[in-house]
Amino acid sequence: MKERFTYWLPMTLLILLALLTFWINQSVREAGSRNGANQDEPDSIVENFLAVSTDAAGVPRYRLAAEKLSHFSGDERTLLDKPTLTHFHEKQGEMQISSSKASVTAEGDKVVFTGRVSLLRPAGAGGKEMSMQTAYLEVRTGKNEAFTGQPVVIRQPGMQITAAGLHLFADTRVLKLKGRVKAQYQNANRA
């Protein structure tokens, strides 16, 4: 009888240990899948990020730079801290958009700027410098368009325009202002 007991006791302990290990392993897997594999933590971080998009001839179209890029594999989010997107155009010159935060789609065809969004078009080819401020700007890189439904302030020397939103066509630099548009002109020669 003692021989059976000494034989079954280690086997029972091994079986209990195997069951306990299986239970712990399953609990950890379930907790990981419920948490979405830590979607709140990035799977990769890049500091001083810089990317350039070119056309078929190798001519730069866009340059995207940021202090920090964080990529989240769970939902394919890419978040940028202090981003700057520069759009290059052969005839219209360059245009630069910057903000405190931005997000980029997995395909890279949409960049959403949030926070203090600024757009700057330097003076050139007979045109005056223009700047714009808003809280939200969505850029469609494939269509070379940007739009917002948030209030905007546009400034040029001697002029300030406010509107409830806008649609910008980057290739032609045409702005379609939307809702409650007000313009103030300042004549420097009158002073």
Protein backbone atom coordinates (compact mmCIF):
# COMPACT_ATOMS: atom_id res chain seq x y z
CA MET A 1 0.00 0.00 0.00
CA LYS A 2 2.85 2.35 0.84
CA GLU A 3 4.45 1.58 -2.51
CA ARG A 4 1.31 2.71 -4.37
CA PHE A 5 1.13 5.88 -2.32
CA THR A 6 4.78 6.76 -3.05
CA TYR A 7 4.14 6.06 -6.71
CA TRP A 8 0.87 8.12 -7.06
CA LEU A 9 1.87 11.12 -4.92
CA PRO A 10 4.56 12.42 -7.35
CA MET A 11 2.29 11.72 -10.33
CA THR A 12 -0.59 13.61 -8.71
CA LEU A 13 1.69 16.55 -7.92
CA LEU A 14 3.00 16.62 -11.52
CA ILE A 15 -0.55 16.55 -12.91
CA LEU A 16 -1.62 19.40 -10.58
CA LEU A 17 1.48 21.38 -11.53
CA ALA A 18 0.73 20.87 -15.25
CA LEU A 19 -2.90 21.97 -14.77
CA LEU A 20 -1.80 25.04 -12.80
CA THR A 21 0.71 25.98 -15.53
CA PHE A 22 -1.95 25.55 -18.23
CA TRP A 23 -4.42 27.71 -16.25
CA ILE A 24 -1.85 30.51 -15.73
CA ASN A 25 -0.87 30.44 -19.41
CA GLN A 26 -4.52 30.71 -20.53
CA SER A 27 -5.20 33.56 -18.07
CA VAL A 28 -2.25 35.56 -19.37
CA ARG A 29 -3.31 35.02 -23.01
CA GLU A 30 -6.89 36.09 -22.32
CA ALA A 31 -5.76 39.21 -20.47
CA GLY A 32 -3.45 40.11 -23.37
CA SER A 33 -6.20 39.70 -25.97
CA ARG A 34 -8.67 41.70 -23.86
CA ASN A 35 -6.17 44.56 -23.58
CA GLY A 36 -5.69 44.54 -27.34
CA ALA A 37 -2.03 43.68 -26.89
CA ASN A 38 -1.41 47.01 -25.14
CA GLN A 39 -2.81 49.29 -27.83
CA ASP A 40 -2.08 52.25 -25.58
CA GLU A 41 1.66 51.65 -25.92
CA PRO A 42 3.45 52.18 -29.24
CA ASP A 43 5.27 49.27 -30.82
CA SER A 44 7.84 51.65 -32.32
CA ILE A 45 9.03 55.20 -31.67
CA VAL A 46 11.21 57.30 -33.97
CA GLU A 47 12.69 60.61 -32.87
CA ASN A 48 13.62 63.34 -35.38
CA PHE A 49 11.56 61.62 -38.07
CA LEU A 50 11.87 62.72 -41.72
CA ALA A 51 10.19 61.19 -44.80
CA VAL A 52 10.02 62.45 -48.38
CA SER A 53 7.41 61.44 -50.97
CA THR A 54 8.47 61.78 -54.60
CA ASP A 55 6.75 61.51 -57.96
CA ALA A 56 7.71 58.93 -60.62
CA ALA A 57 10.62 61.12 -61.80
CA GLY A 58 12.04 61.37 -58.28
CA VAL A 59 11.01 65.01 -57.77
CA PRO A 60 9.95 65.64 -54.13
CA ARG A 61 6.19 66.19 -53.63
CA TYR A 62 5.92 66.15 -49.83
CA ARG A 63 8.33 66.18 -46.92
CA LEU A 64 7.00 65.13 -43.52
CA ALA A 65 9.14 65.81 -40.45
CA ALA A 66 8.34 65.42 -36.75
CA GLU A 67 10.09 65.56 -33.40
CA LYS A 68 8.62 62.17 -32.55
CA LEU A 69 6.68 59.46 -34.41
CA SER A 70 4.80 56.76 -32.47
CA HIS A 71 3.32 53.77 -34.31
CA PHE A 72 0.63 51.54 -32.78
CA SER A 73 0.31 48.17 -34.54
CA GLY A 74 -3.01 47.21 -32.92
CA ASP A 75 -5.03 49.73 -34.92
CA GLU A 76 -2.32 50.93 -37.34
CA ARG A 77 -2.29 54.44 -35.84
CA THR A 78 0.71 56.69 -36.37
CA LEU A 79 0.92 59.77 -34.16
CA LEU A 80 3.33 62.67 -34.65
CA ASP A 81 4.57 65.27 -32.16
CA LYS A 82 5.34 68.72 -33.58
CA PRO A 83 4.98 67.70 -37.24
CA THR A 84 5.73 69.80 -40.31
CA LEU A 85 4.43 68.86 -43.76
CA THR A 86 5.98 70.71 -46.70
CA HIS A 87 4.23 70.53 -50.09
CA PHE A 88 6.44 71.25 -53.08
CA HIS A 89 4.97 72.52 -56.33
CA GLU A 90 6.92 73.37 -59.47
CA LYS A 91 4.92 76.51 -60.32
CA GLN A 92 3.26 77.48 -57.03
CA GLY A 93 6.32 77.07 -54.80
CA GLU A 94 6.25 75.42 -51.42
CA MET A 95 3.68 75.50 -48.66
CA GLN A 96 4.30 74.40 -45.09
CA ILE A 97 1.83 73.08 -42.50
CA SER A 98 2.83 72.58 -38.87
CA SER A 99 1.02 71.82 -35.63
CA SER A 100 1.48 70.45 -32.14
CA LYS A 101 0.07 66.99 -33.02
CA ALA A 102 -0.91 64.98 -36.09
CA SER A 103 -2.02 61.49 -37.07
CA VAL A 104 -1.30 59.62 -40.30
CA THR A 105 -3.37 56.83 -41.84
CA ALA A 106 -1.73 53.46 -42.47
CA GLU A 107 -1.70 54.17 -46.22
CA GLY A 108 -0.17 57.62 -45.69
CA ASP A 109 -2.82 59.30 -47.84
CA LYS A 110 -4.36 61.36 -45.02
CA VAL A 111 -2.63 63.49 -42.39
CA VAL A 112 -4.79 65.13 -39.70
CA PHE A 113 -3.18 68.10 -37.91
CA THR A 114 -4.58 69.15 -34.53
CA GLY A 115 -3.74 71.67 -31.84
CA ARG A 116 -2.19 74.90 -33.04
CA VAL A 117 -2.22 74.36 -36.80
CA SER A 118 -0.32 76.87 -38.94
CA LEU A 119 -0.03 77.03 -42.70
CA LEU A 120 2.63 79.23 -44.29
CA ARG A 121 2.99 80.08 -47.96
CA PRO A 122 6.18 82.12 -48.42
CA ALA A 123 6.18 85.13 -50.75
CA GLY A 124 7.24 84.33 -54.26
CA ALA A 125 6.48 84.76 -57.97
CA GLY A 126 4.69 88.08 -57.44
CA GLY A 127 2.62 86.79 -54.51
CA LYS A 128 2.69 87.95 -50.91
CA GLU A 129 3.41 85.75 -47.91
CA MET A 130 0.25 84.20 -46.49
CA SER A 131 -0.28 82.50 -43.15
CA MET A 132 -3.27 80.65 -41.74
CA GLN A 133 -4.15 79.42 -38.26
CA THR A 134 -6.80 76.90 -37.21
CA ALA A 135 -7.30 74.08 -34.67
CA TYR A 136 -7.81 71.22 -37.17
CA LEU A 137 -6.68 70.58 -40.72
CA GLU A 138 -7.08 67.38 -42.74
CA VAL A 139 -4.67 66.95 -45.64
CA ARG A 140 -5.37 64.45 -48.46
CA THR A 141 -1.92 63.95 -49.98
CA GLY A 142 -3.16 61.91 -52.95
CA LYS A 143 -5.59 64.65 -53.99
CA ASN A 144 -3.34 67.59 -52.95
CA GLU A 145 -6.21 69.07 -50.92
CA ALA A 146 -6.71 70.23 -47.36
CA PHE A 147 -9.87 71.17 -45.51
CA THR A 148 -11.27 72.09 -42.12
CA GLY A 149 -14.64 72.85 -40.60
CA GLN A 150 -13.00 74.78 -37.75
CA PRO A 151 -12.63 78.58 -37.64
CA VAL A 152 -9.64 79.89 -39.60
CA VAL A 153 -7.68 83.15 -39.60
CA ILE A 154 -5.79 84.02 -42.80
CA ARG A 155 -3.25 86.83 -42.85
CA GLN A 156 -1.43 88.59 -45.66
CA PRO A 157 0.31 91.96 -45.45
CA GLY A 158 -2.48 94.54 -45.20
CA MET A 159 -5.29 91.97 -44.91
CA GLN A 160 -6.88 89.57 -42.44
CA ILE A 161 -9.68 87.12 -43.28
CA THR A 162 -11.68 84.97 -40.88
CA ALA A 163 -14.02 82.13 -41.86
CA ALA A 164 -15.83 79.15 -40.34
CA GLY A 165 -13.89 76.68 -42.52
CA LEU A 166 -12.02 76.23 -45.77
CA HIS A 167 -11.09 73.91 -48.60
CA LEU A 168 -7.59 74.37 -50.04
CA PHE A 169 -6.51 73.07 -53.44
CA ALA A 170 -2.72 72.83 -53.06
CA ASP A 171 -1.82 72.63 -56.76
CA THR A 172 -3.58 75.88 -57.65
CA ARG A 173 -3.42 77.49 -54.17
CA VAL A 174 -7.13 78.28 -54.46
CA LEU A 175 -8.92 78.68 -51.12
CA LYS A 176 -12.66 78.16 -50.83
CA LEU A 177 -13.80 79.82 -47.62
CA LYS A 178 -16.90 78.51 -45.89
CA GLY A 179 -19.33 80.37 -43.66
CA ARG A 180 -19.14 83.68 -41.77
CA VAL A 181 -16.35 85.10 -43.95
CA LYS A 182 -15.05 88.50 -42.82
CA ALA A 183 -12.20 90.45 -44.35
CA GLN A 184 -10.33 93.44 -42.91
CA TYR A 185 -8.08 95.51 -45.14
CA GLN A 186 -5.46 97.93 -43.90
CA ASN A 187 -4.25 100.59 -46.30
CA ALA A 188 -0.65 101.46 -45.42
CA ASN A 189 -0.73 104.53 -47.70
CA ARG A 190 -3.50 106.24 -45.66
CA ALA A 191 -1.47 106.58 -42.47
